[in-house]
Amino acid sequence: MRRPALYSSSSSPPPAEAPGQQAQAGPAAESAPATRFFSLSSPRLLWTALAVMALLLALSLSLALRPQPRKLTQADINAAVLKTLETAQLPSAVAKAYEAIRPSVVRVTGYGKSKNGKEDQEYGVGTGVVIVDKGIILTNLHVVQGAQTIKVVFSDGLESTAHIIGAQPENDLAVLQAHKIPDDMIAATMRSTGDLASGDHVLAVGYPFGIGPSASAGVISGLKRTFRSPEGKQEMSNLIQFDAAANPGNSGGPLVTMDGEVVGIVTAILNPNQQRSFVGIAFAVPIENAAAAVGLPPF
């Protein structure tokens, strides 16, 4: 008997089968799955594979050929710093020292009653420096001695009355307590004079002739100097001699290093004549003595 074909390329219907033959062929036809095969011999699949391989190759070549960043060397850093120093305008050491001390410098004015006793009359202008942020100020005793009213003006323009809470007459120092202080009060930083030497740069800040705050720079001319007042009433020793310009009104102001740290309180200028003008020699009380007047421990 002839066996029926499972697949046919013909579109015509298969010949009729006997009933017994259909019963045998039916189950076999249902259990045979339809299967589809793929082969690399297919042109589309082959070209796709080649395109992917070409893309991967191009990507790997581009990564391999990409220039790597050059490692930064110390020579590069030095060249960059040198270029900056040549082209940038940096503030001077004096300017930085002034900015550091300026918030702590105050104008100090003493007032007394006029001859008619009805109004306050200004009789002395000097300088002070805040050394404790509670409003404690160092100045010269001769700036405020005998004043009936003392007024201080802080760097932000705040004006306040003040009173004397301590004095050290042998060093012409007075300690003031301001009655009002700025919210952001900044006290000066003090530095020991132990390592100071002649030739070190210093800055004097104050109100010469009431003008200021004014800054003048110079060097330390000598240490442990002695000064006698023109009237011969007082002699002070262990003073710092410096040549930064100081005039009446600078009294009580700070003498600072290029770091803006206070090493002395300006107290006197040498006057070989009666003009009371600066001739190149001024004196400051070492900050150790000034701190002792406030009761602060020595360095």
Foldseek 3Di string as FASTA:
>chain_A
DDDDDLDDPDPDDDDDDDPVNCVVVVVVSVPDDDDDDDDCVDVVNVVVVVVVVVVVVVVVVCVVPDDDDDDDDPVNVVVVVVVCVVPPDDDDLQVLLCVQQQQFKKKKWFWDADPVRPDTDTDAIAMWGAADQQAKIKFFQVRHPPGPWMWIAGSVGDIFTWDWDFDDVLQRMTIIHTPDDDPPRDHAAADECPPFDWPAKKKQFWQAVHDDRDIWIWTFHDFQAKDADPVRPHIHTGKTKIQTFDFGRSGHTFIGGSNNHGQWGWHFADDPDDPRGHDRITITHGVQVVCVRVVHHGD
